[in-house]
Amino acid sequence: DAHPSNHAAIQSLVHAMRLGPNVPAPCCVPSETKPLTLLYFDENNSLVLKNYPNMIVEKCACR
């Protein structure tokens, strides 16, 4: 479920109605991520297994 926060809902209304000239539209941001595991050869031709945290977005939310 992608339900915007109350803040994002109000921000969207204020932006759409142009009530605040400096209020941007809410945007979608990652709310849940998981690591990306890569298997590769390094510069010495050695096999390397490495985890990169927060690389795959699982869920988004309006903020």
PDB file of N, CA and C in Angstrom:
ATOM      1  N   ASP A   1       0.831  -1.194   0.000  1.00  0.00           N
ATOM      2  CA  ASP A   1       0.000   0.000   0.000  1.00  0.00           C
ATOM      3  C   ASP A   1       0.867   1.246   0.000  1.00  0.00           C
ATOM      4  N   ALA A   2       0.514   2.180  -0.856  1.00  0.00           N
ATOM      5  CA  ALA A   2       1.236   3.449  -0.919  1.00  0.00           C
ATOM      6  C   ALA A   2       0.293   4.560  -0.496  1.00  0.00           C
ATOM      7  N   HIS A   3       0.197   4.757   0.802  1.00  0.00           N
ATOM      8  CA  HIS A   3      -0.665   5.806   1.329  1.00  0.00           C
ATOM      9  C   HIS A   3       0.194   6.995   1.728  1.00  0.00           C
ATOM     10  N   PRO A   4      -0.132   8.187   1.211  1.00  0.00           N
ATOM     11  CA  PRO A   4       0.673   9.354   1.594  1.00  0.00           C
ATOM     12  C   PRO A   4       0.440   9.711   3.056  1.00  0.00           C
ATOM     13  N   SER A   5       1.442  10.312   3.656  1.00  0.00           N
ATOM     14  CA  SER A   5       1.288  10.790   5.027  1.00  0.00           C
ATOM     15  C   SER A   5       0.320  11.968   5.033  1.00  0.00           C
ATOM     16  N   ASN A   6      -0.196  12.306   6.199  1.00  0.00           N
ATOM     17  CA  ASN A   6      -1.078  13.478   6.313  1.00  0.00           C
ATOM     18  C   ASN A   6      -0.353  14.729   5.831  1.00  0.00           C
ATOM     19  N   HIS A   7       0.919  14.830   6.175  1.00  0.00           N
ATOM     20  CA  HIS A   7       1.711  15.984   5.750  1.00  0.00           C
ATOM     21  C   HIS A   7       1.763  16.073   4.228  1.00  0.00           C
ATOM     22  N   ALA A   8       1.996  14.941   3.559  1.00  0.00           N
ATOM     23  CA  ALA A   8       2.070  14.935   2.095  1.00  0.00           C
ATOM     24  C   ALA A   8       0.730  15.298   1.471  1.00  0.00           C
ATOM     25  N   ALA A   9      -0.366  14.838   2.064  1.00  0.00           N
ATOM     26  CA  ALA A   9      -1.699  15.154   1.536  1.00  0.00           C
ATOM     27  C   ALA A   9      -1.976  16.651   1.630  1.00  0.00           C
ATOM     28  N   ILE A  10      -1.685  17.245   2.775  1.00  0.00           N
ATOM     29  CA  ILE A  10      -1.897  18.693   2.951  1.00  0.00           C
ATOM     30  C   ILE A  10      -0.948  19.473   2.051  1.00  0.00           C
ATOM     31  N   GLN A  11       0.296  19.039   1.964  1.00  0.00           N
ATOM     32  CA  GLN A  11       1.274  19.711   1.103  1.00  0.00           C
ATOM     33  C   GLN A  11       0.802  19.691  -0.345  1.00  0.00           C
ATOM     34  N   SER A  12       0.225  18.590  -0.780  1.00  0.00           N
ATOM     35  CA  SER A  12      -0.288  18.483  -2.144  1.00  0.00           C
ATOM     36  C   SER A  12      -1.414  19.483  -2.389  1.00  0.00           C
ATOM     37  N   LEU A  13      -2.320  19.604  -1.429  1.00  0.00           N
ATOM     38  CA  LEU A  13      -3.428  20.565  -1.559  1.00  0.00           C
ATOM     39  C   LEU A  13      -2.920  22.001  -1.594  1.00  0.00           C
ATOM     40  N   VAL A  14      -2.025  22.336  -0.677  1.00  0.00           N
ATOM     41  CA  VAL A  14      -1.483  23.703  -0.616  1.00  0.00           C
ATOM     42  C   VAL A  14      -0.759  24.034  -1.916  1.00  0.00           C
ATOM     43  N   HIS A  15       0.000  23.089  -2.432  1.00  0.00           N
ATOM     44  CA  HIS A  15       0.720  23.305  -3.693  1.00  0.00           C
ATOM     45  C   HIS A  15      -0.260  23.465  -4.858  1.00  0.00           C
ATOM     46  N   ALA A  16      -1.251  22.578  -4.940  1.00  0.00           N
ATOM     47  CA  ALA A  16      -2.213  22.609  -6.051  1.00  0.00           C
ATOM     48  C   ALA A  16      -3.051  23.883  -6.051  1.00  0.00           C
ATOM     49  N   MET A  17      -3.387  24.365  -4.861  1.00  0.00           N
ATOM     50  CA  MET A  17      -4.219  25.570  -4.753  1.00  0.00           C
ATOM     51  C   MET A  17      -3.378  26.843  -4.750  1.00  0.00           C
ATOM     52  N   ARG A  18      -2.060  26.667  -4.840  1.00  0.00           N
ATOM     53  CA  ARG A  18      -1.111  27.790  -4.853  1.00  0.00           C
ATOM     54  C   ARG A  18      -1.271  28.706  -3.634  1.00  0.00           C
ATOM     55  N   LEU A  19      -1.488  28.083  -2.478  1.00  0.00           N
ATOM     56  CA  LEU A  19      -1.664  28.843  -1.239  1.00  0.00           C
ATOM     57  C   LEU A  19      -0.331  29.254  -0.622  1.00  0.00           C
ATOM     58  N   GLY A  20       0.701  28.546  -0.959  1.00  0.00           N
ATOM     59  CA  GLY A  20       2.034  28.872  -0.462  1.00  0.00           C
ATOM     60  C   GLY A  20       3.004  28.877  -1.624  1.00  0.00           C
ATOM     61  N   PRO A  21       3.538  30.038  -1.995  1.00  0.00           N
ATOM     62  CA  PRO A  21       4.397  30.115  -3.178  1.00  0.00           C
ATOM     63  C   PRO A  21       5.675  29.276  -3.069  1.00  0.00           C
ATOM     64  N   ASN A  22       6.116  28.998  -1.865  1.00  0.00           N
ATOM     65  CA  ASN A  22       7.361  28.242  -1.690  1.00  0.00           C
ATOM     66  C   ASN A  22       7.119  26.789  -1.291  1.00  0.00           C
ATOM     67  N   VAL A  23       5.876  26.331  -1.410  1.00  0.00           N
ATOM     68  CA  VAL A  23       5.550  24.957  -1.025  1.00  0.00           C
ATOM     69  C   VAL A  23       5.634  24.059  -2.261  1.00  0.00           C
ATOM     70  N   PRO A  24       6.604  23.156  -2.303  1.00  0.00           N
ATOM     71  CA  PRO A  24       6.733  22.268  -3.466  1.00  0.00           C
ATOM     72  C   PRO A  24       5.709  21.134  -3.397  1.00  0.00           C
ATOM     73  N   ALA A  25       5.492  20.486  -4.515  1.00  0.00           N
ATOM     74  CA  ALA A  25       4.636  19.304  -4.534  1.00  0.00           C
ATOM     75  C   ALA A  25       5.332  18.185  -3.760  1.00  0.00           C
ATOM     76  N   PRO A  26       4.566  17.308  -3.132  1.00  0.00           N
ATOM     77  CA  PRO A  26       5.210  16.179  -2.460  1.00  0.00           C
ATOM     78  C   PRO A  26       5.865  15.274  -3.506  1.00  0.00           C
ATOM     79  N   CYS A  27       6.819  14.502  -3.088  1.00  0.00           N
ATOM     80  CA  CYS A  27       7.492  13.615  -4.039  1.00  0.00           C
ATOM     81  C   CYS A  27       7.598  12.211  -3.464  1.00  0.00           C
ATOM     82  N   CYS A  28       7.777  11.268  -4.358  1.00  0.00           N
ATOM     83  CA  CYS A  28       7.909   9.865  -3.980  1.00  0.00           C
ATOM     84  C   CYS A  28       9.356   9.603  -3.571  1.00  0.00           C
ATOM     85  N   VAL A  29       9.506   9.002  -2.403  1.00  0.00           N
ATOM     86  CA  VAL A  29      10.850   8.674  -1.914  1.00  0.00           C
ATOM     87  C   VAL A  29      10.867   7.222  -1.426  1.00  0.00           C
ATOM     88  N   PRO A  30      12.014   6.580  -1.447  1.00  0.00           N
ATOM     89  CA  PRO A  30      12.086   5.209  -0.937  1.00  0.00           C
ATOM     90  C   PRO A  30      11.742   5.156   0.551  1.00  0.00           C
ATOM     91  N   SER A  31      10.889   4.215   0.926  1.00  0.00           N
ATOM     92  CA  SER A  31      10.563   4.034   2.340  1.00  0.00           C
ATOM     93  C   SER A  31      11.071   2.690   2.863  1.00  0.00           C
ATOM     94  N   GLU A  32      11.400   1.793   1.951  1.00  0.00           N
ATOM     95  CA  GLU A  32      11.966   0.502   2.342  1.00  0.00           C
ATOM     96  C   GLU A  32      12.930   0.047   1.249  1.00  0.00           C
ATOM     97  N   THR A  33      14.119  -0.340   1.674  1.00  0.00           N
ATOM     98  CA  THR A  33      15.134  -0.785   0.712  1.00  0.00           C
ATOM     99  C   THR A  33      15.728  -2.116   1.160  1.00  0.00           C
ATOM    100  N   LYS A  34      16.457  -2.732   0.233  1.00  0.00           N
ATOM    101  CA  LYS A  34      17.199  -3.942   0.583  1.00  0.00           C
ATOM    102  C   LYS A  34      18.553  -3.877  -0.110  1.00  0.00           C
ATOM    103  N   PRO A  35      19.487  -4.701   0.325  1.00  0.00           N
ATOM    104  CA  PRO A  35      20.826  -4.657  -0.271  1.00  0.00           C
ATOM    105  C   PRO A  35      20.872  -5.305  -1.652  1.00  0.00           C
ATOM    106  N   LEU A  36      21.886  -4.927  -2.401  1.00  0.00           N
ATOM    107  CA  LEU A  36      22.168  -5.529  -3.701  1.00  0.00           C
ATOM    108  C   LEU A  36      23.468  -6.317  -3.553  1.00  0.00           C
ATOM    109  N   THR A  37      23.441  -7.584  -3.907  1.00  0.00           N
ATOM    110  CA  THR A  37      24.624  -8.435  -3.825  1.00  0.00           C
ATOM    111  C   THR A  37      25.229  -8.582  -5.213  1.00  0.00           C
ATOM    112  N   LEU A  38      26.522  -8.282  -5.316  1.00  0.00           N
ATOM    113  CA  LEU A  38      27.232  -8.393  -6.592  1.00  0.00           C
ATOM    114  C   LEU A  38      28.392  -9.375  -6.468  1.00  0.00           C
ATOM    115  N   LEU A  39      28.555 -10.154  -7.509  1.00  0.00           N
ATOM    116  CA  LEU A  39      29.688 -11.063  -7.624  1.00  0.00           C
ATOM    117  C   LEU A  39      30.483 -10.606  -8.840  1.00  0.00           C
ATOM    118  N   TYR A  40      31.757 -10.252  -8.621  1.00  0.00           N
ATOM    119  CA  TYR A  40      32.555  -9.714  -9.724  1.00  0.00           C
ATOM    120  C   TYR A  40      34.033 -10.044  -9.540  1.00  0.00           C
ATOM    121  N   PHE A  41      34.787  -9.840 -10.612  1.00  0.00           N
ATOM    122  CA  PHE A  41      36.237  -9.996 -10.565  1.00  0.00           C
ATOM    123  C   PHE A  41      36.867  -8.625 -10.351  1.00  0.00           C
ATOM    124  N   ASP A  42      37.781  -8.533  -9.393  1.00  0.00           N
ATOM    125  CA  ASP A  42      38.464  -7.261  -9.145  1.00  0.00           C
ATOM    126  C   ASP A  42      39.660  -7.107 -10.090  1.00  0.00           C
ATOM    127  N   GLU A  43      40.450  -6.058  -9.864  1.00  0.00           N
ATOM    128  CA  GLU A  43      41.578  -5.757 -10.753  1.00  0.00           C
ATOM    129  C   GLU A  43      42.671  -6.827 -10.722  1.00  0.00           C
ATOM    130  N   ASN A  44      42.680  -7.677  -9.674  1.00  0.00           N
ATOM    131  CA  ASN A  44      43.651  -8.779  -9.576  1.00  0.00           C
ATOM    132  C   ASN A  44      43.073 -10.096 -10.083  1.00  0.00           C
ATOM    133  N   ASN A  45      41.919 -10.002 -10.702  1.00  0.00           N
ATOM    134  CA  ASN A  45      41.210 -11.169 -11.228  1.00  0.00           C
ATOM    135  C   ASN A  45      40.742 -12.121 -10.126  1.00  0.00           C
ATOM    136  N   SER A  46      40.569 -11.569  -8.923  1.00  0.00           N
ATOM    137  CA  SER A  46      40.027 -12.347  -7.806  1.00  0.00           C
ATOM    138  C   SER A  46      38.513 -12.179  -7.785  1.00  0.00           C
ATOM    139  N   LEU A  47      37.827 -13.254  -7.457  1.00  0.00           N
ATOM    140  CA  LEU A  47      36.374 -13.215  -7.380  1.00  0.00           C
ATOM    141  C   LEU A  47      35.958 -12.554  -6.072  1.00  0.00           C
ATOM    142  N   VAL A  48      35.057 -11.576  -6.143  1.00  0.00           N
ATOM    143  CA  VAL A  48      34.628 -10.818  -4.969  1.00  0.00           C
ATOM    144  C   VAL A  48      33.111 -10.873  -4.871  1.00  0.00           C
ATOM    145  N   LEU A  49      32.616 -11.146  -3.671  1.00  0.00           N
ATOM    146  CA  LEU A  49      31.185 -11.092  -3.380  1.00  0.00           C
ATOM    147  C   LEU A  49      30.977  -9.923  -2.433  1.00  0.00           C
ATOM    148  N   LYS A  50      30.156  -8.964  -2.836  1.00  0.00           N
ATOM    149  CA  LYS A  50      29.995  -7.765  -2.022  1.00  0.00           C
ATOM    150  C   LYS A  50      28.526  -7.373  -1.935  1.00  0.00           C
ATOM    151  N   ASN A  51      28.113  -6.955  -0.738  1.00  0.00           N
ATOM    152  CA  ASN A  51      26.764  -6.440  -0.512  1.00  0.00           C
ATOM    153  C   ASN A  51      26.809  -4.922  -0.444  1.00  0.00           C
ATOM    154  N   TYR A  52      25.927  -4.283  -1.194  1.00  0.00           N
ATOM    155  CA  TYR A  52      25.781  -2.832  -1.150  1.00  0.00           C
ATOM    156  C   TYR A  52      24.435  -2.535  -0.502  1.00  0.00           C
ATOM    157  N   PRO A  53      24.429  -1.953   0.699  1.00  0.00           N
ATOM    158  CA  PRO A  53      23.162  -1.720   1.403  1.00  0.00           C
ATOM    159  C   PRO A  53      22.310  -0.637   0.731  1.00  0.00           C
ATOM    160  N   ASN A  54      21.013  -0.752   0.922  1.00  0.00           N
ATOM    161  CA  ASN A  54      20.040   0.267   0.479  1.00  0.00           C
ATOM    162  C   ASN A  54      20.096   0.569  -1.014  1.00  0.00           C
ATOM    163  N   MET A  55      20.279  -0.436  -1.836  1.00  0.00           N
ATOM    164  CA  MET A  55      20.393  -0.212  -3.281  1.00  0.00           C
ATOM    165  C   MET A  55      19.127  -0.570  -4.054  1.00  0.00           C
ATOM    166  N   ILE A  56      18.286  -1.449  -3.510  1.00  0.00           N
ATOM    167  CA  ILE A  56      17.057  -1.858  -4.195  1.00  0.00           C
ATOM    168  C   ILE A  56      15.867  -1.302  -3.429  1.00  0.00           C
ATOM    169  N   VAL A  57      15.036  -0.534  -4.117  1.00  0.00           N
ATOM    170  CA  VAL A  57      13.855   0.053  -3.474  1.00  0.00           C
ATOM    171  C   VAL A  57      12.728  -0.965  -3.493  1.00  0.00           C
ATOM    172  N   GLU A  58      12.211  -1.263  -2.312  1.00  0.00           N
ATOM    173  CA  GLU A  58      11.102  -2.202  -2.164  1.00  0.00           C
ATOM    174  C   GLU A  58       9.755  -1.477  -2.106  1.00  0.00           C
ATOM    175  N   LYS A  59       9.724  -0.332  -1.426  1.00  0.00           N
ATOM    176  CA  LYS A  59       8.487   0.441  -1.274  1.00  0.00           C
ATOM    177  C   LYS A  59       8.804   1.929  -1.344  1.00  0.00           C
ATOM    178  N   CYS A  60       7.813   2.694  -1.815  1.00  0.00           N
ATOM    179  CA  CYS A  60       7.929   4.153  -1.858  1.00  0.00           C
ATOM    180  C   CYS A  60       6.811   4.782  -1.036  1.00  0.00           C
ATOM    181  N   ALA A  61       7.028   6.026  -0.654  1.00  0.00           N
ATOM    182  CA  ALA A  61       6.016   6.784   0.076  1.00  0.00           C
ATOM    183  C   ALA A  61       6.073   8.232  -0.376  1.00  0.00           C
ATOM    184  N   CYS A  62       4.946   8.903  -0.284  1.00  0.00           N
ATOM    185  CA  CYS A  62       4.899  10.339  -0.596  1.00  0.00           C
ATOM    186  C   CYS A  62       5.365  11.117   0.615  1.00  0.00           C
ATOM    187  N   ARG A  63       6.295  12.018   0.415  1.00  0.00           N
ATOM    188  CA  ARG A  63       6.816  12.835   1.523  1.00  0.00           C
ATOM    189  C   ARG A  63       6.873  14.270   1.082  1.00  0.00           C
TER     190      ARG A  63
END
